[in-house]
Amino acid sequence: MTVLLVEQNVRQALALAHRACVLENGRLTLTGPAQAVLADDRLKRAYLGL
């Protein structure tokens, strides 16, 4: 089963997911296991402000 979850809270969304895809301006920029996506520096810089 596939569920498309659109959520503002990245940490909460990835806590629920096994895999994640990140779209930026309609393009797939990052995909993989949820924990790997959460640990990716590109995601941290762009969306978490770190």
PDB file of N, CA and C in Angstrom:
ATOM      1  N   MET A   1       0.833  -1.145   0.000  1.00  0.00           N
ATOM      2  CA  MET A   1       0.000   0.000   0.000  1.00  0.00           C
ATOM      3  C   MET A   1       0.897   1.233   0.000  1.00  0.00           C
ATOM      4  N   THR A   2       0.512   2.239  -0.732  1.00  0.00           N
ATOM      5  CA  THR A   2       1.231   3.505  -0.772  1.00  0.00           C
ATOM      6  C   THR A   2       0.326   4.597  -0.237  1.00  0.00           C
ATOM      7  N   VAL A   3       0.884   5.460   0.601  1.00  0.00           N
ATOM      8  CA  VAL A   3       0.151   6.601   1.134  1.00  0.00           C
ATOM      9  C   VAL A   3       0.970   7.842   0.832  1.00  0.00           C
ATOM     10  N   LEU A   4       0.339   8.832   0.244  1.00  0.00           N
ATOM     11  CA  LEU A   4       1.003  10.108  -0.011  1.00  0.00           C
ATOM     12  C   LEU A   4       0.686  11.024   1.156  1.00  0.00           C
ATOM     13  N   LEU A   5       1.705  11.412   1.882  1.00  0.00           N
ATOM     14  CA  LEU A   5       1.542  12.275   3.048  1.00  0.00           C
ATOM     15  C   LEU A   5       2.221  13.601   2.750  1.00  0.00           C
ATOM     16  N   VAL A   6       1.459  14.662   2.816  1.00  0.00           N
ATOM     17  CA  VAL A   6       2.003  16.006   2.630  1.00  0.00           C
ATOM     18  C   VAL A   6       1.905  16.689   3.987  1.00  0.00           C
ATOM     19  N   GLU A   7       3.041  17.081   4.521  1.00  0.00           N
ATOM     20  CA  GLU A   7       3.075  17.583   5.889  1.00  0.00           C
ATOM     21  C   GLU A   7       4.112  18.688   6.007  1.00  0.00           C
ATOM     22  N   GLN A   8       3.785  19.729   6.758  1.00  0.00           N
ATOM     23  CA  GLN A   8       4.712  20.836   6.995  1.00  0.00           C
ATOM     24  C   GLN A   8       5.830  20.444   7.968  1.00  0.00           C
ATOM     25  N   ASN A   9       5.509  19.585   8.907  1.00  0.00           N
ATOM     26  CA  ASN A   9       6.471  19.171   9.925  1.00  0.00           C
ATOM     27  C   ASN A   9       7.275  17.981   9.394  1.00  0.00           C
ATOM     28  N   VAL A  10       8.478  18.261   8.918  1.00  0.00           N
ATOM     29  CA  VAL A  10       9.308  17.240   8.277  1.00  0.00           C
ATOM     30  C   VAL A  10       9.650  16.115   9.242  1.00  0.00           C
ATOM     31  N   ARG A  11      10.028  16.453  10.438  1.00  0.00           N
ATOM     32  CA  ARG A  11      10.406  15.418  11.410  1.00  0.00           C
ATOM     33  C   ARG A  11       9.231  14.487  11.719  1.00  0.00           C
ATOM     34  N   GLN A  12       8.053  15.048  11.893  1.00  0.00           N
ATOM     35  CA  GLN A  12       6.872  14.237  12.182  1.00  0.00           C
ATOM     36  C   GLN A  12       6.529  13.335  10.999  1.00  0.00           C
ATOM     37  N   ALA A  13       6.580  13.874   9.805  1.00  0.00           N
ATOM     38  CA  ALA A  13       6.261  13.085   8.609  1.00  0.00           C
ATOM     39  C   ALA A  13       7.244  11.931   8.436  1.00  0.00           C
ATOM     40  N   LEU A  14       8.524  12.204   8.604  1.00  0.00           N
ATOM     41  CA  LEU A  14       9.527  11.161   8.410  1.00  0.00           C
ATOM     42  C   LEU A  14       9.521  10.136   9.540  1.00  0.00           C
ATOM     43  N   ALA A  15       9.010  10.515  10.704  1.00  0.00           N
ATOM     44  CA  ALA A  15       8.877   9.551  11.798  1.00  0.00           C
ATOM     45  C   ALA A  15       7.822   8.492  11.466  1.00  0.00           C
ATOM     46  N   LEU A  16       6.876   8.840  10.601  1.00  0.00           N
ATOM     47  CA  LEU A  16       5.806   7.914  10.216  1.00  0.00           C
ATOM     48  C   LEU A  16       6.151   7.084   8.989  1.00  0.00           C
ATOM     49  N   ALA A  17       7.155   7.512   8.246  1.00  0.00           N
ATOM     50  CA  ALA A  17       7.424   6.919   6.931  1.00  0.00           C
ATOM     51  C   ALA A  17       8.567   5.908   6.967  1.00  0.00           C
ATOM     52  N   HIS A  18       8.501   4.950   6.056  1.00  0.00           N
ATOM     53  CA  HIS A  18       9.618   4.028   5.834  1.00  0.00           C
ATOM     54  C   HIS A  18      10.544   4.599   4.764  1.00  0.00           C
ATOM     55  N   ARG A  19       9.950   5.192   3.725  1.00  0.00           N
ATOM     56  CA  ARG A  19      10.708   5.804   2.630  1.00  0.00           C
ATOM     57  C   ARG A  19      10.179   7.212   2.425  1.00  0.00           C
ATOM     58  N   ALA A  20      11.016   8.074   1.863  1.00  0.00           N
ATOM     59  CA  ALA A  20      10.605   9.457   1.639  1.00  0.00           C
ATOM     60  C   ALA A  20      11.146   9.968   0.315  1.00  0.00           C
ATOM     61  N   CYS A  21      10.407  10.871  -0.266  1.00  0.00           N
ATOM     62  CA  CYS A  21      10.818  11.579  -1.479  1.00  0.00           C
ATOM     63  C   CYS A  21      10.647  13.063  -1.205  1.00  0.00           C
ATOM     64  N   VAL A  22      11.618  13.847  -1.601  1.00  0.00           N
ATOM     65  CA  VAL A  22      11.550  15.290  -1.427  1.00  0.00           C
ATOM     66  C   VAL A  22      11.460  15.923  -2.804  1.00  0.00           C
ATOM     67  N   LEU A  23      10.419  16.730  -2.994  1.00  0.00           N
ATOM     68  CA  LEU A  23      10.235  17.462  -4.241  1.00  0.00           C
ATOM     69  C   LEU A  23      10.555  18.924  -3.991  1.00  0.00           C
ATOM     70  N   GLU A  24      11.263  19.519  -4.918  1.00  0.00           N
ATOM     71  CA  GLU A  24      11.570  20.943  -4.847  1.00  0.00           C
ATOM     72  C   GLU A  24      11.291  21.535  -6.217  1.00  0.00           C
ATOM     73  N   ASN A  25      10.389  22.497  -6.256  1.00  0.00           N
ATOM     74  CA  ASN A  25       9.977  23.116  -7.517  1.00  0.00           C
ATOM     75  C   ASN A  25       9.531  22.068  -8.533  1.00  0.00           C
ATOM     76  N   GLY A  26       8.809  21.049  -8.060  1.00  0.00           N
ATOM     77  CA  GLY A  26       8.284  20.012  -8.940  1.00  0.00           C
ATOM     78  C   GLY A  26       9.286  18.964  -9.382  1.00  0.00           C
ATOM     79  N   ARG A  27      10.491  19.008  -8.857  1.00  0.00           N
ATOM     80  CA  ARG A  27      11.527  18.038  -9.226  1.00  0.00           C
ATOM     81  C   ARG A  27      11.910  17.197  -8.014  1.00  0.00           C
ATOM     82  N   LEU A  28      12.154  15.918  -8.279  1.00  0.00           N
ATOM     83  CA  LEU A  28      12.597  15.006  -7.231  1.00  0.00           C
ATOM     84  C   LEU A  28      14.055  15.319  -6.902  1.00  0.00           C
ATOM     85  N   THR A  29      14.308  15.761  -5.675  1.00  0.00           N
ATOM     86  CA  THR A  29      15.670  16.136  -5.299  1.00  0.00           C
ATOM     87  C   THR A  29      16.324  15.151  -4.337  1.00  0.00           C
ATOM     88  N   LEU A  30      15.505  14.347  -3.661  1.00  0.00           N
ATOM     89  CA  LEU A  30      16.055  13.439  -2.656  1.00  0.00           C
ATOM     90  C   LEU A  30      15.064  12.303  -2.432  1.00  0.00           C
ATOM     91  N   THR A  31      15.558  11.083  -2.377  1.00  0.00           N
ATOM     92  CA  THR A  31      14.690   9.934  -2.112  1.00  0.00           C
ATOM     93  C   THR A  31      15.493   8.852  -1.403  1.00  0.00           C
ATOM     94  N   GLY A  32      14.822   8.073  -0.581  1.00  0.00           N
ATOM     95  CA  GLY A  32      15.487   6.976   0.110  1.00  0.00           C
ATOM     96  C   GLY A  32      14.777   6.624   1.394  1.00  0.00           C
ATOM     97  N   PRO A  33      15.416   5.796   2.215  1.00  0.00           N
ATOM     98  CA  PRO A  33      14.837   5.466   3.518  1.00  0.00           C
ATOM     99  C   PRO A  33      14.624   6.748   4.330  1.00  0.00           C
ATOM    100  N   ALA A  34      13.531   6.812   5.070  1.00  0.00           N
ATOM    101  CA  ALA A  34      13.167   8.039   5.783  1.00  0.00           C
ATOM    102  C   ALA A  34      14.293   8.556   6.681  1.00  0.00           C
ATOM    103  N   GLN A  35      14.938   7.678   7.424  1.00  0.00           N
ATOM    104  CA  GLN A  35      15.998   8.129   8.330  1.00  0.00           C
ATOM    105  C   GLN A  35      17.209   8.668   7.571  1.00  0.00           C
ATOM    106  N   ALA A  36      17.512   8.098   6.411  1.00  0.00           N
ATOM    107  CA  ALA A  36      18.619   8.599   5.590  1.00  0.00           C
ATOM    108  C   ALA A  36      18.279   9.965   5.014  1.00  0.00           C
ATOM    109  N   VAL A  37      17.041  10.141   4.595  1.00  0.00           N
ATOM    110  CA  VAL A  37      16.606  11.443   4.072  1.00  0.00           C
ATOM    111  C   VAL A  37      16.683  12.483   5.180  1.00  0.00           C
ATOM    112  N   LEU A  38      16.224  12.136   6.371  1.00  0.00           N
ATOM    113  CA  LEU A  38      16.266  13.065   7.500  1.00  0.00           C
ATOM    114  C   LEU A  38      17.697  13.442   7.861  1.00  0.00           C
ATOM    115  N   ALA A  39      18.639  12.531   7.698  1.00  0.00           N
ATOM    116  CA  ALA A  39      20.041  12.786   8.042  1.00  0.00           C
ATOM    117  C   ALA A  39      20.798  13.521   6.940  1.00  0.00           C
ATOM    118  N   ASP A  40      20.215  13.659   5.760  1.00  0.00           N
ATOM    119  CA  ASP A  40      20.897  14.280   4.621  1.00  0.00           C
ATOM    120  C   ASP A  40      21.093  15.778   4.865  1.00  0.00           C
ATOM    121  N   ASP A  41      22.316  16.257   4.684  1.00  0.00           N
ATOM    122  CA  ASP A  41      22.642  17.663   4.922  1.00  0.00           C
ATOM    123  C   ASP A  41      21.847  18.610   4.029  1.00  0.00           C
ATOM    124  N   ARG A  42      21.527  18.190   2.804  1.00  0.00           N
ATOM    125  CA  ARG A  42      20.750  19.057   1.906  1.00  0.00           C
ATOM    126  C   ARG A  42      19.366  19.332   2.491  1.00  0.00           C
ATOM    127  N   LEU A  43      18.751  18.330   3.062  1.00  0.00           N
ATOM    128  CA  LEU A  43      17.438  18.511   3.679  1.00  0.00           C
ATOM    129  C   LEU A  43      17.553  19.415   4.898  1.00  0.00           C
ATOM    130  N   LYS A  44      18.558  19.182   5.706  1.00  0.00           N
ATOM    131  CA  LYS A  44      18.744  20.000   6.906  1.00  0.00           C
ATOM    132  C   LYS A  44      18.909  21.473   6.553  1.00  0.00           C
ATOM    133  N   ARG A  45      19.725  21.756   5.550  1.00  0.00           N
ATOM    134  CA  ARG A  45      19.948  23.149   5.158  1.00  0.00           C
ATOM    135  C   ARG A  45      18.690  23.781   4.568  1.00  0.00           C
ATOM    136  N   ALA A  46      18.015  23.073   3.694  1.00  0.00           N
ATOM    137  CA  ALA A  46      16.886  23.645   2.968  1.00  0.00           C
ATOM    138  C   ALA A  46      15.619  23.766   3.811  1.00  0.00           C
ATOM    139  N   TYR A  47      15.329  22.757   4.629  1.00  0.00           N
ATOM    140  CA  TYR A  47      14.026  22.713   5.279  1.00  0.00           C
ATOM    141  C   TYR A  47      14.049  22.805   6.792  1.00  0.00           C
ATOM    142  N   LEU A  48      15.137  22.461   7.407  1.00  0.00           N
ATOM    143  CA  LEU A  48      15.192  22.491   8.862  1.00  0.00           C
ATOM    144  C   LEU A  48      15.986  23.681   9.387  1.00  0.00           C
ATOM    145  N   GLY A  49      16.587  24.445   8.504  1.00  0.00           N
ATOM    146  CA  GLY A  49      17.317  25.635   8.900  1.00  0.00           C
ATOM    147  C   GLY A  49      18.596  25.357   9.663  1.00  0.00           C
ATOM    148  N   LEU A  50      19.186  24.189   9.469  1.00  0.00           N
ATOM    149  CA  LEU A  50      20.425  23.835  10.184  1.00  0.00           C
ATOM    150  C   LEU A  50      21.634  24.004   9.300  1.00  0.00           C
TER     151      LEU A  50
END
